[in-house]
C-alpha atoms as a PDB file:
ATOM      1  CA  MET A   1      12.551  48.584 -32.694  1.00  0.00           C
ATOM      2  CA  LEU A   2      14.570  47.937 -29.903  1.00  0.00           C
ATOM      3  CA  SER A   3      16.303  51.040 -29.303  1.00  0.00           C
ATOM      4  CA  ARG A   4      13.466  53.287 -28.918  1.00  0.00           C
ATOM      5  CA  LEU A   5      12.176  51.197 -25.635  1.00  0.00           C
ATOM      6  CA  PRO A   6      13.343  52.393 -22.417  1.00  0.00           C
ATOM      7  CA  TRP A   7      15.148  50.514 -20.355  1.00  0.00           C
ATOM      8  CA  THR A   8      14.549  49.171 -16.673  1.00  0.00           C
ATOM      9  CA  PRO A   9      16.839  46.998 -14.597  1.00  0.00           C
ATOM     10  CA  ALA A  10      15.430  44.005 -13.565  1.00  0.00           C
ATOM     11  CA  PRO A  11      13.808  43.601  -9.965  1.00  0.00           C
ATOM     12  CA  GLU A  12      15.610  42.649  -7.257  1.00  0.00           C
ATOM     13  CA  ALA A  13      15.324  38.488  -6.798  1.00  0.00           C
ATOM     14  CA  LYS A  14      13.652  38.432  -3.093  1.00  0.00           C
ATOM     15  CA  PRO A  15      15.943  35.276  -1.067  1.00  0.00           C
ATOM     16  CA  ILE A  16      13.838  32.187  -0.610  1.00  0.00           C
ATOM     17  CA  PRO A  17      13.535  31.315   2.897  1.00  0.00           C
ATOM     18  CA  LYS A  18      14.666  27.732   3.409  1.00  0.00           C
ATOM     19  CA  VAL A  19      11.824  25.143   4.898  1.00  0.00           C
ATOM     20  CA  ARG A  20      13.460  22.393   7.292  1.00  0.00           C
ATOM     21  CA  PRO A  21      11.684  19.639   6.859  1.00  0.00           C
ATOM     22  CA  ARG A  22       9.469  18.404   9.761  1.00  0.00           C
ATOM     23  CA  SER A  23      10.431  15.437  11.915  1.00  0.00           C
ATOM     24  CA  MET A  24       8.970  13.468  14.588  1.00  0.00           C
ATOM     25  CA  ASN A  25      10.595  13.388  17.873  1.00  0.00           C
ATOM     26  CA  ARG A  26      12.697   9.782  18.922  1.00  0.00           C
ATOM     27  CA  GLU A  27      10.095   8.175  21.223  1.00  0.00           C
ATOM     28  CA  ARG A  28       6.782   8.754  19.020  1.00  0.00           C
ATOM     29  CA  ARG A  29       8.548   7.269  15.731  1.00  0.00           C
ATOM     30  CA  ARG A  30       9.593   4.260  17.715  1.00  0.00           C
ATOM     31  CA  HIS A  31       5.557   4.106  18.567  1.00  0.00           C
ATOM     32  CA  LEU A  32       4.414   4.477  15.788  1.00  0.00           C
ATOM     33  CA  VAL A  33       7.244   1.733  13.973  1.00  0.00           C
ATOM     34  CA  SER A  34       6.257  -0.450  16.338  1.00  0.00           C
ATOM     35  CA  THR A  35       2.737  -0.331  15.913  1.00  0.00           C
ATOM     36  CA  VAL A  36       2.822  -0.435  12.618  1.00  0.00           C
ATOM     37  CA  GLY A  37       4.723  -3.360  12.742  1.00  0.00           C
ATOM     38  CA  ALA A  38       2.105  -5.100  14.214  1.00  0.00           C
ATOM     39  CA  ILE A  39      -0.258  -4.374  11.909  1.00  0.00           C
ATOM     40  CA  LEU A  40       1.347  -5.428   9.019  1.00  0.00           C
ATOM     41  CA  LYS A  41       2.153  -8.905  11.196  1.00  0.00           C
ATOM     42  CA  THR A  42      -1.200  -9.539  10.594  1.00  0.00           C
ATOM     43  CA  GLY A  43      -1.426  -9.232   7.266  1.00  0.00           C
ATOM     44  CA  ASP A  44      -2.994 -11.993   4.731  1.00  0.00           C
ATOM     45  CA  PRO A  45      -1.531 -13.056   2.794  1.00  0.00           C
ATOM     46  CA  THR A  46       1.570 -11.577   2.793  1.00  0.00           C
ATOM     47  CA  LEU A  47       3.084  -8.554   5.179  1.00  0.00           C
ATOM     48  CA  PHE A  48       2.209  -6.409   2.515  1.00  0.00           C
ATOM     49  CA  ALA A  49      -1.122  -6.494   2.286  1.00  0.00           C
ATOM     50  CA  TYR A  50      -2.039  -3.057   4.702  1.00  0.00           C
ATOM     51  CA  GLU A  51       1.328  -1.572   3.561  1.00  0.00           C
ATOM     52  CA  ALA A  52      -0.789   1.112   2.022  1.00  0.00           C
ATOM     53  CA  SER A  53      -3.290   1.789   4.679  1.00  0.00           C
ATOM     54  CA  CYS A  54      -0.868   2.443   7.072  1.00  0.00           C
ATOM     55  CA  ARG A  55       1.193   4.705   4.996  1.00  0.00           C
ATOM     56  CA  TYR A  56      -1.756   6.152   4.084  1.00  0.00           C
ATOM     57  CA  GLY A  57      -2.774   6.552   7.587  1.00  0.00           C
ATOM     58  CA  ILE A  58       0.356   8.354   8.786  1.00  0.00           C
ATOM     59  CA  ARG A  59       0.245  10.226   6.184  1.00  0.00           C
ATOM     60  CA  THR A  60      -3.713  12.119   6.657  1.00  0.00           C
ATOM     61  CA  ARG A  61      -2.728  12.162  10.537  1.00  0.00           C
ATOM     62  CA  LEU A  62       0.208  14.112   9.860  1.00  0.00           C
ATOM     63  CA  CYS A  63      -1.236  15.742   7.585  1.00  0.00           C
ATOM     64  CA  LEU A  64      -4.446  16.697   9.860  1.00  0.00           C
ATOM     65  CA  ALA A  65      -1.757  17.866  12.735  1.00  0.00           C
ATOM     66  CA  GLY A  66       0.025  20.369  10.314  1.00  0.00           C
ATOM     67  CA  TRP A  67       2.570  19.071   8.357  1.00  0.00           C
ATOM     68  CA  GLY A  68       2.606  19.411   4.239  1.00  0.00           C
ATOM     69  CA  TRP A  69       1.811  16.653   2.207  1.00  0.00           C
ATOM     70  CA  GLU A  70       5.395  16.201   0.846  1.00  0.00           C
ATOM     71  CA  ASP A  71       7.023  15.916   4.183  1.00  0.00           C
ATOM     72  CA  ALA A  72       4.011  13.756   6.017  1.00  0.00           C
ATOM     73  CA  ASP A  73       4.438  11.403   2.996  1.00  0.00           C
ATOM     74  CA  ALA A  74       7.597  11.423   2.998  1.00  0.00           C
ATOM     75  CA  GLU A  75       7.587  10.526   7.022  1.00  0.00           C
ATOM     76  CA  ALA A  76       4.893   8.065   6.382  1.00  0.00           C
ATOM     77  CA  ALA A  77       7.049   5.959   3.833  1.00  0.00           C
ATOM     78  CA  ASP A  78      10.141   6.159   6.176  1.00  0.00           C
ATOM     79  CA  ILE A  79       8.190   4.895   9.001  1.00  0.00           C
ATOM     80  CA  VAL A  80       6.249   2.030   6.977  1.00  0.00           C
ATOM     81  CA  ALA A  81       9.555   1.095   5.523  1.00  0.00           C
ATOM     82  CA  THR A  82      11.481   0.801   9.171  1.00  0.00           C
ATOM     83  CA  ALA A  83       8.587  -1.246  10.096  1.00  0.00           C
ATOM     84  CA  LEU A  84       8.248  -3.772   6.997  1.00  0.00           C
ATOM     85  CA  ARG A  85      12.255  -3.860   7.800  1.00  0.00           C
ATOM     86  CA  ILE A  86      12.078  -4.972  11.883  1.00  0.00           C
ATOM     87  CA  VAL A  87       9.474  -7.165  10.695  1.00  0.00           C
ATOM     88  CA  GLY A  88      11.863  -8.670   8.154  1.00  0.00           C
ATOM     89  CA  ALA A  89       9.154  -8.339   5.232  1.00  0.00           C
ATOM     90  CA  LYS A  90      11.472  -9.043   2.345  1.00  0.00           C
ATOM     91  CA  ARG A  91      10.187  -7.803  -1.776  1.00  0.00           C
ATOM     92  CA  PRO A  92       9.736 -10.895  -4.046  1.00  0.00           C
ATOM     93  CA  ILE A  93      11.277 -10.891  -7.296  1.00  0.00           C
ATOM     94  CA  TRP A  94       8.340 -10.064 -10.273  1.00  0.00           C
ATOM     95  CA  ALA A  95       8.862 -14.260 -11.132  1.00  0.00           C
ATOM     96  CA  GLU A  96       7.667 -14.806  -7.634  1.00  0.00           C
ATOM     97  CA  GLY A  97       4.677 -13.276  -8.444  1.00  0.00           C
ATOM     98  CA  GLN A  98       3.143 -15.106 -11.156  1.00  0.00           C
ATOM     99  CA  PRO A  99       0.709 -18.138 -10.929  1.00  0.00           C
ATOM    100  CA  GLU A 100       3.461 -20.623 -12.506  1.00  0.00           C
ATOM    101  CA  TRP A 101       5.992 -20.301  -9.676  1.00  0.00           C
ATOM    102  CA  VAL A 102       3.708 -21.268  -6.646  1.00  0.00           C
ATOM    103  CA  GLN A 103       2.197 -24.812  -9.314  1.00  0.00           C
ATOM    104  CA  ASN A 104       3.970 -27.681  -9.177  1.00  0.00           C
ATOM    105  CA  GLY A 105       7.019 -26.619 -11.544  1.00  0.00           C
ATOM    106  CA  ALA A 106       6.871 -23.568 -14.459  1.00  0.00           C
ATOM    107  CA  GLY A 107       3.839 -23.850 -16.302  1.00  0.00           C
ATOM    108  CA  ALA A 108       2.573 -26.910 -14.445  1.00  0.00           C
ATOM    109  CA  LEU A 109      -1.705 -26.199 -14.302  1.00  0.00           C
ATOM    110  CA  ILE A 110      -3.502 -27.512 -11.209  1.00  0.00           C
ATOM    111  CA  GLU A 111      -6.163 -29.433 -12.013  1.00  0.00           C
ATOM    112  CA  ARG A 112      -9.384 -28.750 -10.785  1.00  0.00           C
ATOM    113  CA  THR A 113     -12.437 -30.682 -10.333  1.00  0.00           C
ATOM    114  CA  ARG A 114     -14.236 -28.890  -8.121  1.00  0.00           C
ATOM    115  CA  CYS A 115     -16.090 -25.702  -7.839  1.00  0.00           C
ATOM    116  CA  ILE A 116     -14.009 -22.881  -5.781  1.00  0.00           C
ATOM    117  CA  GLN A 117     -17.069 -21.352  -4.296  1.00  0.00           C
ATOM    118  CA  CYS A 118     -19.913 -24.601  -3.695  1.00  0.00           C
ATOM    119  CA  LEU A 119     -17.193 -27.562  -3.938  1.00  0.00           C
ATOM    120  CA  GLY A 120     -19.875 -28.806  -6.629  1.00  0.00           C
ATOM    121  CA  PRO A 121     -18.190 -30.591 -10.027  1.00  0.00           C
ATOM    122  CA  LEU A 122     -17.097 -28.295 -12.513  1.00  0.00           C
ATOM    123  CA  PRO A 123     -18.642 -28.642 -15.851  1.00  0.00           C
ATOM    124  CA  GLU A 124     -15.879 -29.874 -19.133  1.00  0.00           C
ATOM    125  CA  HIS A 125     -14.383 -26.595 -20.532  1.00  0.00           C
ATOM    126  CA  HIS A 126     -14.834 -24.777 -16.912  1.00  0.00           C
ATOM    127  CA  ARG A 127     -11.326 -24.512 -14.657  1.00  0.00           C
ATOM    128  CA  LYS A 128     -12.212 -22.457 -11.564  1.00  0.00           C
ATOM    129  CA  PHE A 129     -16.098 -21.803 -10.890  1.00  0.00           C
ATOM    130  CA  CYS A 130     -19.229 -24.028 -12.019  1.00  0.00           C
ATOM    131  CA  SER A 131     -20.695 -21.024 -13.088  1.00  0.00           C
ATOM    132  CA  GLN A 132     -21.177 -17.297 -13.042  1.00  0.00           C
ATOM    133  CA  LEU A 133     -23.708 -17.466 -10.496  1.00  0.00           C
ATOM    134  CA  CYS A 134     -20.996 -18.904  -8.237  1.00  0.00           C
ATOM    135  CA  ALA A 135     -17.321 -16.747  -9.794  1.00  0.00           C
ATOM    136  CA  LYS A 136     -19.446 -13.368  -8.662  1.00  0.00           C
ATOM    137  CA  ALA A 137     -19.830 -14.016  -5.221  1.00  0.00           C
ATOM    138  CA  HIS A 138     -17.112 -15.671  -4.583  1.00  0.00           C
ATOM    139  CA  HIS A 139     -15.375 -12.770  -5.653  1.00  0.00           C
ATOM    140  CA  ALA A 140     -17.563 -10.074  -4.181  1.00  0.00           C
ATOM    141  CA  LEU A 141     -16.689 -12.025  -1.026  1.00  0.00           C
ATOM    142  CA  TRP A 142     -12.980 -11.710  -1.525  1.00  0.00           C
ATOM    143  CA  ASN A 143     -13.455  -7.941  -2.130  1.00  0.00           C
ATOM    144  CA  ARG A 144     -15.886  -7.558   1.031  1.00  0.00           C
ATOM    145  CA  ARG A 145     -13.028  -9.078   3.149  1.00  0.00           C
ATOM    146  CA  LYS A 146     -10.333  -7.206   1.344  1.00  0.00           C
ATOM    147  CA  GLU A 147     -11.889  -3.856   2.146  1.00  0.00           C
ATOM    148  CA  ALA A 148     -12.831  -4.526   5.524  1.00  0.00           C
ATOM    149  CA  SER A 149      -9.208  -5.636   6.559  1.00  0.00           C
ATOM    150  CA  GLU A 150      -7.839  -2.719   4.371  1.00  0.00           C
ATOM    151  CA  GLU A 151     -10.678  -0.184   6.344  1.00  0.00           C
ATOM    152  CA  THR A 152      -9.531  -2.095   9.942  1.00  0.00           C
ATOM    153  CA  ALA A 153      -5.538  -1.031   9.079  1.00  0.00           C
ATOM    154  CA  TYR A 154      -6.512   2.325   8.323  1.00  0.00           C
ATOM    155  CA  ALA A 155      -8.290   2.859  11.256  1.00  0.00           C
ATOM    156  CA  LEU A 156      -5.408   1.540  13.278  1.00  0.00           C
ATOM    157  CA  ALA A 157      -2.798   3.411  11.331  1.00  0.00           C
ATOM    158  CA  VAL A 158      -5.244   6.833  11.765  1.00  0.00           C
ATOM    159  CA  GLY A 159      -5.734   6.541  15.729  1.00  0.00           C
ATOM    160  CA  LEU A 160      -1.942   6.140  16.226  1.00  0.00           C
END
C-alpha cells in the first residue's frame, strides 16, 4: 500500500533566528533596585510584604515599554531579588512561619481573655473574638489595610 504513494522530499527547515534577551542599562537598573529597596523597607510585618506588588509593577512597566512577558518577568524578578538581598531580607524556614514558633515555646498557646476587636471579655470557648460581628469587622479592617498597602506599593513600582 505504501509503495503506491508518491514520494516527496521533506520541506527545508528555515533557520530559527536567535533572539537576544532584552537588557537594561546599568543606571536604570541601579535606580530600579534602589527604589524597590526603599519600597520593600516599608513592608509590614516583613520585608517581603510588597515583593509581589513590586515585581508586578516592574513587569507591567517593562511590558508596556515593548518587552516580552518572559523577559520582563525575569528582569523584574531579578531586580526584586537584588533589592531584597541589599536590604538584608532573609527568608524564614517553614517552621518559623507557623504560629507555634512565635508563641511561648512549641505548642504553648496564648491565653486571651479579651476580644481582639472590641476588647470586651471573651465568652467561654471563644479564642479571639467575642462574636461573629467582631471577627468580620477585624478581618475586613485588615483586608482593607493590606489592599491599600499593596496598591500603594504597586503604584510606586509602576511610577518608576
